[in-house]
Amino acid sequence: MRSSVVAAAALAAALITPRDARAQASPRDEIARLLGTASRGASQAGYRAEPRVFDVRSMTGMLPSGGSVVVDATLRAGARYMVVGVCDGECQDLDLRVNAPDGAEVLDEDVSDDDVPVLRFTATENGAHPLSVIMSDCRAELCRFAVKVLAQ
């Protein structure tokens, strides 16, 4: 019931936000605003963000064969990065790609036929860079993966 109240509050807030303000916000800003609105009720009920739930040093998940997910990696301009991916024993091919913040330029990608992709690149801008994880070949219904971002 509480989740339906929070969802209703988020929907109401989105509907009363001026259309021009919604149109000018970037997709990242818009989703952050929606999340803030949706979680405001929980904050008022005494809940706080729990930083230990998601390990900020790595990301793990599950994907079907042919499935992909894009996450934002907040990077610093001029820093040299290495991104390492791994997947479980049912996975035969995992791929990674990182783009510039606007998504247009591919900074590096590893789409070779292996299950341990590695990216090496220098970020040219500060900010959220789209990082794609692609489960190219998985023998099971779902395969587990993990990605770690390292900086030099």
C-alpha atoms as a PDB file:
ATOM      1  CA  MET A   1       0.000   0.000   0.000  1.00  0.00           C
ATOM      2  CA  ARG A   2       2.803   2.392   0.895  1.00  0.00           C
ATOM      3  CA  SER A   3       4.403   1.838  -2.528  1.00  0.00           C
ATOM      4  CA  SER A   4       1.150   2.756  -4.268  1.00  0.00           C
ATOM      5  CA  VAL A   5       0.994   5.991  -2.239  1.00  0.00           C
ATOM      6  CA  VAL A   6       4.570   6.834  -3.215  1.00  0.00           C
ATOM      7  CA  ALA A   7       3.866   5.989  -6.877  1.00  0.00           C
ATOM      8  CA  ALA A   8       0.730   8.137  -6.859  1.00  0.00           C
ATOM      9  CA  ALA A   9       2.679  11.040  -5.358  1.00  0.00           C
ATOM     10  CA  ALA A  10       5.359  10.694  -8.042  1.00  0.00           C
ATOM     11  CA  LEU A  11       2.746  10.650 -10.796  1.00  0.00           C
ATOM     12  CA  ALA A  12       0.967  13.696  -9.373  1.00  0.00           C
ATOM     13  CA  ALA A  13       4.245  15.602  -9.116  1.00  0.00           C
ATOM     14  CA  ALA A  14       5.116  14.743 -12.719  1.00  0.00           C
ATOM     15  CA  LEU A  15       1.713  15.909 -13.923  1.00  0.00           C
ATOM     16  CA  ILE A  16       1.886  19.285 -12.154  1.00  0.00           C
ATOM     17  CA  THR A  17       5.460  20.033 -13.272  1.00  0.00           C
ATOM     18  CA  PRO A  18       5.311  22.605 -16.072  1.00  0.00           C
ATOM     19  CA  ARG A  19       5.727  20.912 -19.468  1.00  0.00           C
ATOM     20  CA  ASP A  20       8.505  23.352 -20.502  1.00  0.00           C
ATOM     21  CA  ALA A  21      10.556  22.443 -17.410  1.00  0.00           C
ATOM     22  CA  ARG A  22      10.208  18.718 -18.168  1.00  0.00           C
ATOM     23  CA  ALA A  23      11.163  19.222 -21.823  1.00  0.00           C
ATOM     24  CA  GLN A  24      14.360  21.139 -20.936  1.00  0.00           C
ATOM     25  CA  ALA A  25      15.682  18.610 -18.422  1.00  0.00           C
ATOM     26  CA  SER A  26      18.198  16.031 -19.625  1.00  0.00           C
ATOM     27  CA  PRO A  27      17.105  12.391 -19.327  1.00  0.00           C
ATOM     28  CA  ARG A  28      19.494  11.923 -16.379  1.00  0.00           C
ATOM     29  CA  ASP A  29      18.145  15.029 -14.631  1.00  0.00           C
ATOM     30  CA  GLU A  30      14.569  13.940 -15.273  1.00  0.00           C
ATOM     31  CA  ILE A  31      15.049  10.445 -13.869  1.00  0.00           C
ATOM     32  CA  ALA A  32      16.892  11.850 -10.826  1.00  0.00           C
ATOM     33  CA  ARG A  33      14.019  14.283 -10.248  1.00  0.00           C
ATOM     34  CA  LEU A  34      11.448  11.493 -10.530  1.00  0.00           C
ATOM     35  CA  LEU A  35      13.395   9.306  -8.105  1.00  0.00           C
ATOM     36  CA  GLY A  36      13.659  12.188  -5.639  1.00  0.00           C
ATOM     37  CA  THR A  37       9.925  12.825  -5.873  1.00  0.00           C
ATOM     38  CA  ALA A  38       9.051   9.139  -5.542  1.00  0.00           C
ATOM     39  CA  SER A  39      11.286   8.671  -2.480  1.00  0.00           C
ATOM     40  CA  ARG A  40      10.317  11.895  -0.716  1.00  0.00           C
ATOM     41  CA  GLY A  41       7.445  10.164   1.113  1.00  0.00           C
ATOM     42  CA  ALA A  42       9.802   7.477   2.359  1.00  0.00           C
ATOM     43  CA  SER A  43      12.203  10.141   3.660  1.00  0.00           C
ATOM     44  CA  GLN A  44       9.353  11.808   5.512  1.00  0.00           C
ATOM     45  CA  ALA A  45       8.496   8.436   7.056  1.00  0.00           C
ATOM     46  CA  GLY A  46      12.030   8.154   8.491  1.00  0.00           C
ATOM     47  CA  TYR A  47      13.756   6.116   5.784  1.00  0.00           C
ATOM     48  CA  ARG A  48      17.252   7.139   4.637  1.00  0.00           C
ATOM     49  CA  ALA A  49      19.395   6.133   1.678  1.00  0.00           C
ATOM     50  CA  GLU A  50      21.413   3.058   2.562  1.00  0.00           C
ATOM     51  CA  PRO A  51      24.877   3.433   0.991  1.00  0.00           C
ATOM     52  CA  ARG A  52      25.992  -0.130   1.757  1.00  0.00           C
ATOM     53  CA  VAL A  53      23.305  -1.832  -0.328  1.00  0.00           C
ATOM     54  CA  PHE A  54      25.097  -1.302  -3.643  1.00  0.00           C
ATOM     55  CA  ASP A  55      28.852  -1.863  -3.668  1.00  0.00           C
ATOM     56  CA  VAL A  56      30.156   1.272  -5.360  1.00  0.00           C
ATOM     57  CA  ARG A  57      33.402  -0.477  -6.263  1.00  0.00           C
ATOM     58  CA  SER A  58      31.707  -2.935  -8.603  1.00  0.00           C
ATOM     59  CA  MET A  59      28.400  -3.693 -10.268  1.00  0.00           C
ATOM     60  CA  THR A  60      26.826  -7.128 -10.561  1.00  0.00           C
ATOM     61  CA  GLY A  61      23.720  -8.377 -12.290  1.00  0.00           C
ATOM     62  CA  MET A  62      22.094 -10.987 -14.488  1.00  0.00           C
ATOM     63  CA  LEU A  63      21.256 -10.871 -18.195  1.00  0.00           C
ATOM     64  CA  PRO A  64      19.813 -13.298 -20.732  1.00  0.00           C
ATOM     65  CA  SER A  65      21.724 -14.239 -23.866  1.00  0.00           C
ATOM     66  CA  GLY A  66      21.565 -11.229 -26.181  1.00  0.00           C
ATOM     67  CA  GLY A  67      20.497  -8.955 -23.319  1.00  0.00           C
ATOM     68  CA  SER A  68      22.163  -5.700 -22.353  1.00  0.00           C
ATOM     69  CA  VAL A  69      22.047  -2.951 -19.782  1.00  0.00           C
ATOM     70  CA  VAL A  70      23.419   0.590 -19.882  1.00  0.00           C
ATOM     71  CA  VAL A  71      24.504   2.238 -16.616  1.00  0.00           C
ATOM     72  CA  ASP A  72      26.038   5.631 -15.925  1.00  0.00           C
ATOM     73  CA  ALA A  73      29.654   5.649 -14.762  1.00  0.00           C
ATOM     74  CA  THR A  74      30.602   9.033 -13.284  1.00  0.00           C
ATOM     75  CA  LEU A  75      34.122   9.732 -14.522  1.00  0.00           C
ATOM     76  CA  ARG A  76      36.668  12.570 -14.270  1.00  0.00           C
ATOM     77  CA  ALA A  77      38.158  14.308 -17.290  1.00  0.00           C
ATOM     78  CA  GLY A  78      41.809  13.408 -17.841  1.00  0.00           C
ATOM     79  CA  ALA A  79      41.728  10.280 -15.684  1.00  0.00           C
ATOM     80  CA  ARG A  80      42.872   7.019 -17.256  1.00  0.00           C
ATOM     81  CA  TYR A  81      40.393   4.181 -16.672  1.00  0.00           C
ATOM     82  CA  MET A  82      40.333   0.413 -16.957  1.00  0.00           C
ATOM     83  CA  VAL A  83      36.960  -1.364 -16.854  1.00  0.00           C
ATOM     84  CA  VAL A  84      37.025  -5.133 -16.314  1.00  0.00           C
ATOM     85  CA  GLY A  85      34.051  -7.440 -16.793  1.00  0.00           C
ATOM     86  CA  VAL A  86      33.564 -11.100 -15.904  1.00  0.00           C
ATOM     87  CA  CYS A  87      30.692 -13.555 -16.121  1.00  0.00           C
ATOM     88  CA  ASP A  88      29.768 -16.966 -14.724  1.00  0.00           C
ATOM     89  CA  GLY A  89      30.508 -20.443 -16.107  1.00  0.00           C
ATOM     90  CA  GLU A  90      27.381 -20.476 -18.296  1.00  0.00           C
ATOM     91  CA  CYS A  91      28.497 -17.308 -20.086  1.00  0.00           C
ATOM     92  CA  GLN A  92      30.581 -17.643 -23.225  1.00  0.00           C
ATOM     93  CA  ASP A  93      30.776 -14.030 -24.418  1.00  0.00           C
ATOM     94  CA  LEU A  94      30.437 -10.779 -22.465  1.00  0.00           C
ATOM     95  CA  ASP A  95      31.057  -7.413 -24.136  1.00  0.00           C
ATOM     96  CA  LEU A  96      31.586  -3.870 -22.799  1.00  0.00           C
ATOM     97  CA  ARG A  97      31.353  -0.419 -24.382  1.00  0.00           C
ATOM     98  CA  VAL A  98      31.831   3.054 -22.888  1.00  0.00           C
ATOM     99  CA  ASN A  99      30.667   6.244 -24.567  1.00  0.00           C
ATOM    100  CA  ALA A 100      31.285   9.956 -24.028  1.00  0.00           C
ATOM    101  CA  PRO A 101      28.600  11.626 -21.862  1.00  0.00           C
ATOM    102  CA  ASP A 102      26.503  12.632 -24.870  1.00  0.00           C
ATOM    103  CA  GLY A 103      26.504   9.010 -26.045  1.00  0.00           C
ATOM    104  CA  ALA A 104      27.752   9.863 -29.527  1.00  0.00           C
ATOM    105  CA  GLU A 105      31.449   8.952 -29.294  1.00  0.00           C
ATOM    106  CA  VAL A 106      32.597   5.444 -28.351  1.00  0.00           C
ATOM    107  CA  LEU A 107      35.645   5.845 -26.080  1.00  0.00           C
ATOM    108  CA  ASP A 108      36.428   2.113 -26.046  1.00  0.00           C
ATOM    109  CA  GLU A 109      34.739  -1.223 -26.566  1.00  0.00           C
ATOM    110  CA  ASP A 110      35.645  -4.868 -26.207  1.00  0.00           C
ATOM    111  CA  VAL A 111      33.377  -6.972 -28.393  1.00  0.00           C
ATOM    112  CA  SER A 112      35.802  -9.843 -28.918  1.00  0.00           C
ATOM    113  CA  ASP A 113      34.526 -13.408 -28.463  1.00  0.00           C
ATOM    114  CA  ASP A 114      35.527 -13.901 -24.804  1.00  0.00           C
ATOM    115  CA  ASP A 115      34.080 -13.743 -21.320  1.00  0.00           C
ATOM    116  CA  VAL A 116      36.516 -11.243 -19.742  1.00  0.00           C
ATOM    117  CA  PRO A 117      36.219  -7.912 -21.581  1.00  0.00           C
ATOM    118  CA  VAL A 118      38.637  -5.104 -20.681  1.00  0.00           C
ATOM    119  CA  LEU A 119      38.347  -1.423 -21.603  1.00  0.00           C
ATOM    120  CA  ARG A 120      41.191   1.119 -21.399  1.00  0.00           C
ATOM    121  CA  PHE A 121      40.517   4.794 -22.087  1.00  0.00           C
ATOM    122  CA  THR A 122      40.942   8.357 -20.857  1.00  0.00           C
ATOM    123  CA  ALA A 123      37.792  10.302 -20.038  1.00  0.00           C
ATOM    124  CA  THR A 124      37.706  13.597 -21.916  1.00  0.00           C
ATOM    125  CA  GLU A 125      34.872  15.117 -19.864  1.00  0.00           C
ATOM    126  CA  ASN A 126      33.624  15.085 -16.295  1.00  0.00           C
ATOM    127  CA  GLY A 127      30.275  13.432 -15.796  1.00  0.00           C
ATOM    128  CA  ALA A 128      28.150  10.372 -16.383  1.00  0.00           C
ATOM    129  CA  HIS A 129      29.429   8.164 -19.205  1.00  0.00           C
ATOM    130  CA  PRO A 130      27.092   5.441 -20.565  1.00  0.00           C
ATOM    131  CA  LEU A 131      28.645   2.031 -19.895  1.00  0.00           C
ATOM    132  CA  SER A 132      27.015  -0.835 -21.818  1.00  0.00           C
ATOM    133  CA  VAL A 133      27.194  -4.425 -20.587  1.00  0.00           C
ATOM    134  CA  ILE A 134      26.174  -6.880 -23.300  1.00  0.00           C
ATOM    135  CA  MET A 135      25.611 -10.591 -22.657  1.00  0.00           C
ATOM    136  CA  SER A 136      26.381 -11.779 -26.186  1.00  0.00           C
ATOM    137  CA  ASP A 137      26.266 -15.513 -25.461  1.00  0.00           C
ATOM    138  CA  CYS A 138      24.834 -17.290 -22.420  1.00  0.00           C
ATOM    139  CA  ARG A 139      23.996 -21.030 -22.298  1.00  0.00           C
ATOM    140  CA  ALA A 140      21.550 -20.634 -19.385  1.00  0.00           C
ATOM    141  CA  GLU A 141      18.323 -18.639 -19.103  1.00  0.00           C
ATOM    142  CA  LEU A 142      20.298 -15.944 -17.254  1.00  0.00           C
ATOM    143  CA  CYS A 143      24.020 -15.429 -16.728  1.00  0.00           C
ATOM    144  CA  ARG A 144      25.600 -13.455 -13.889  1.00  0.00           C
ATOM    145  CA  PHE A 145      28.124 -10.723 -14.594  1.00  0.00           C
ATOM    146  CA  ALA A 146      30.259  -8.271 -12.650  1.00  0.00           C
ATOM    147  CA  VAL A 147      31.973  -5.054 -13.792  1.00  0.00           C
ATOM    148  CA  LYS A 148      34.634  -3.070 -11.974  1.00  0.00           C
ATOM    149  CA  VAL A 149      35.902   0.423 -12.870  1.00  0.00           C
ATOM    150  CA  LEU A 150      39.520   1.221 -11.943  1.00  0.00           C
ATOM    151  CA  ALA A 151      41.220   4.617 -12.260  1.00  0.00           C
ATOM    152  CA  GLN A 152      44.882   5.519 -12.637  1.00  0.00           C
END
